[in-house]
Amino acid sequence: MSDTSVAAVARQFAKHEFRIRRLFASNSEFRAVCEDYEAATEALALWEADVPRADDYRRLIGELEIEILEFLDEPKGRPAAAGS
């Protein structure tokens, strides 16, 4: 479990921190989205000066934020993926 992935998502969605931590611990699909989110935000910081590449990362981050919100909006989160 990557505390940095949880922290990256919890910073963006602070009011949902408890649910984020619970889903991260119990749902492998959500965990993967959080890890992708962390990687994309780190990449954006590295490529900020490269406008086309930075725009691609901003789009990806926006898509991942939508996916994270879908997990957070569902009463129990999405079911855990097989093998989680």
C-alpha atoms as a PDB file:
ATOM      1  CA  MET A   1       0.000   0.000   0.000  1.00  0.00           C
ATOM      2  CA  SER A   2       1.447   3.358  -1.004  1.00  0.00           C
ATOM      3  CA  ASP A   3       0.808   6.101   1.531  1.00  0.00           C
ATOM      4  CA  THR A   4       1.907   8.657  -1.050  1.00  0.00           C
ATOM      5  CA  SER A   5      -0.842   7.555  -3.454  1.00  0.00           C
ATOM      6  CA  VAL A   6      -3.454   7.890  -0.717  1.00  0.00           C
ATOM      7  CA  ALA A   7      -2.041  11.274   0.293  1.00  0.00           C
ATOM      8  CA  ALA A   8      -2.113  12.583  -3.281  1.00  0.00           C
ATOM      9  CA  VAL A   9      -5.799  11.726  -3.654  1.00  0.00           C
ATOM     10  CA  ALA A  10      -6.703  12.829  -0.116  1.00  0.00           C
ATOM     11  CA  ARG A  11      -5.151  16.264  -0.755  1.00  0.00           C
ATOM     12  CA  GLN A  12      -7.445  16.738  -3.740  1.00  0.00           C
ATOM     13  CA  PHE A  13     -10.558  15.305  -2.065  1.00  0.00           C
ATOM     14  CA  ALA A  14      -9.898  16.182   1.600  1.00  0.00           C
ATOM     15  CA  LYS A  15     -13.492  15.849   2.759  1.00  0.00           C
ATOM     16  CA  HIS A  16     -13.448  12.202   1.638  1.00  0.00           C
ATOM     17  CA  GLU A  17     -10.143  11.217   3.251  1.00  0.00           C
ATOM     18  CA  PHE A  18     -11.562   8.471   5.500  1.00  0.00           C
ATOM     19  CA  ARG A  19     -13.459   6.851   2.607  1.00  0.00           C
ATOM     20  CA  ILE A  20     -10.410   7.169   0.342  1.00  0.00           C
ATOM     21  CA  ARG A  21      -8.226   5.362   2.884  1.00  0.00           C
ATOM     22  CA  ARG A  22     -10.843   2.640   3.383  1.00  0.00           C
ATOM     23  CA  LEU A  23     -11.344   2.067  -0.355  1.00  0.00           C
ATOM     24  CA  PHE A  24      -7.596   2.120  -0.969  1.00  0.00           C
ATOM     25  CA  ALA A  25      -7.119  -0.630   1.604  1.00  0.00           C
ATOM     26  CA  SER A  26      -9.964  -2.801   0.340  1.00  0.00           C
ATOM     27  CA  ASN A  27     -10.357  -2.276  -3.413  1.00  0.00           C
ATOM     28  CA  SER A  28      -7.560  -3.067  -5.850  1.00  0.00           C
ATOM     29  CA  GLU A  29      -9.224  -1.179  -8.720  1.00  0.00           C
ATOM     30  CA  PHE A  30      -9.466   1.991  -6.629  1.00  0.00           C
ATOM     31  CA  ARG A  31      -5.881   1.495  -5.453  1.00  0.00           C
ATOM     32  CA  ALA A  32      -4.711   1.344  -9.090  1.00  0.00           C
ATOM     33  CA  VAL A  33      -6.581   4.558  -9.951  1.00  0.00           C
ATOM     34  CA  CYS A  34      -4.972   6.300  -6.957  1.00  0.00           C
ATOM     35  CA  GLU A  35      -1.531   5.116  -8.013  1.00  0.00           C
ATOM     36  CA  ASP A  36      -2.165   6.334 -11.574  1.00  0.00           C
ATOM     37  CA  TYR A  37      -3.331   9.685 -10.174  1.00  0.00           C
ATOM     38  CA  GLU A  38      -0.174  10.080  -8.133  1.00  0.00           C
ATOM     39  CA  ALA A  39       2.022   9.203 -11.134  1.00  0.00           C
ATOM     40  CA  ALA A  40       0.160  11.669 -13.379  1.00  0.00           C
ATOM     41  CA  THR A  41       0.438  14.536 -10.887  1.00  0.00           C
ATOM     42  CA  GLU A  42       4.165  13.862 -10.480  1.00  0.00           C
ATOM     43  CA  ALA A  43       4.621  13.761 -14.259  1.00  0.00           C
ATOM     44  CA  LEU A  44       2.726  17.038 -14.647  1.00  0.00           C
ATOM     45  CA  ALA A  45       5.103  18.698 -12.193  1.00  0.00           C
ATOM     46  CA  LEU A  46       8.054  17.464 -14.267  1.00  0.00           C
ATOM     47  CA  TRP A  47       6.634  18.502 -17.637  1.00  0.00           C
ATOM     48  CA  GLU A  48       4.933  21.777 -16.697  1.00  0.00           C
ATOM     49  CA  ALA A  49       7.124  23.769 -19.121  1.00  0.00           C
ATOM     50  CA  ASP A  50       6.258  21.486 -22.062  1.00  0.00           C
ATOM     51  CA  VAL A  51       2.794  22.854 -22.815  1.00  0.00           C
ATOM     52  CA  PRO A  52       1.481  20.047 -25.067  1.00  0.00           C
ATOM     53  CA  ARG A  53       2.707  17.325 -22.733  1.00  0.00           C
ATOM     54  CA  ALA A  54       1.474  19.199 -19.634  1.00  0.00           C
ATOM     55  CA  ASP A  55      -1.958  19.563 -21.256  1.00  0.00           C
ATOM     56  CA  ASP A  56      -2.052  15.800 -21.843  1.00  0.00           C
ATOM     57  CA  TYR A  57      -1.294  15.177 -18.176  1.00  0.00           C
ATOM     58  CA  ARG A  58      -3.921  17.712 -17.085  1.00  0.00           C
ATOM     59  CA  ARG A  59      -6.508  15.874 -19.201  1.00  0.00           C
ATOM     60  CA  LEU A  60      -5.451  12.536 -17.732  1.00  0.00           C
ATOM     61  CA  ILE A  61      -5.635  13.941 -14.195  1.00  0.00           C
ATOM     62  CA  GLY A  62      -9.135  15.255 -14.914  1.00  0.00           C
ATOM     63  CA  GLU A  63     -10.244  11.834 -16.166  1.00  0.00           C
ATOM     64  CA  LEU A  64      -8.762  10.132 -13.103  1.00  0.00           C
ATOM     65  CA  GLU A  65     -10.487  12.629 -10.795  1.00  0.00           C
ATOM     66  CA  ILE A  66     -13.813  11.781 -12.412  1.00  0.00           C
ATOM     67  CA  GLU A  67     -13.113   8.081 -11.902  1.00  0.00           C
ATOM     68  CA  ILE A  68     -12.150   8.670  -8.256  1.00  0.00           C
ATOM     69  CA  LEU A  69     -15.368  10.619  -7.684  1.00  0.00           C
ATOM     70  CA  GLU A  70     -17.374   7.760  -9.184  1.00  0.00           C
ATOM     71  CA  PHE A  71     -15.902   5.449  -6.549  1.00  0.00           C
ATOM     72  CA  LEU A  72     -16.569   7.973  -3.782  1.00  0.00           C
ATOM     73  CA  ASP A  73     -20.151   8.630  -4.889  1.00  0.00           C
ATOM     74  CA  GLU A  74     -21.185   4.975  -4.902  1.00  0.00           C
ATOM     75  CA  PRO A  75     -22.633   3.852  -1.552  1.00  0.00           C
ATOM     76  CA  LYS A  76     -20.166   0.987  -1.106  1.00  0.00           C
ATOM     77  CA  GLY A  77     -17.663   1.901  -3.826  1.00  0.00           C
ATOM     78  CA  ARG A  78     -17.333  -0.383  -6.801  1.00  0.00           C
ATOM     79  CA  PRO A  79     -17.033  -4.061  -6.007  1.00  0.00           C
ATOM     80  CA  ALA A  80     -13.442  -5.196  -5.493  1.00  0.00           C
ATOM     81  CA  ALA A  81     -11.860  -6.561  -8.623  1.00  0.00           C
ATOM     82  CA  ALA A  82     -11.231 -10.290  -8.704  1.00  0.00           C
ATOM     83  CA  GLY A  83      -8.064 -11.234  -6.868  1.00  0.00           C
ATOM     84  CA  SER A  84      -8.017  -8.197  -4.593  1.00  0.00           C
END
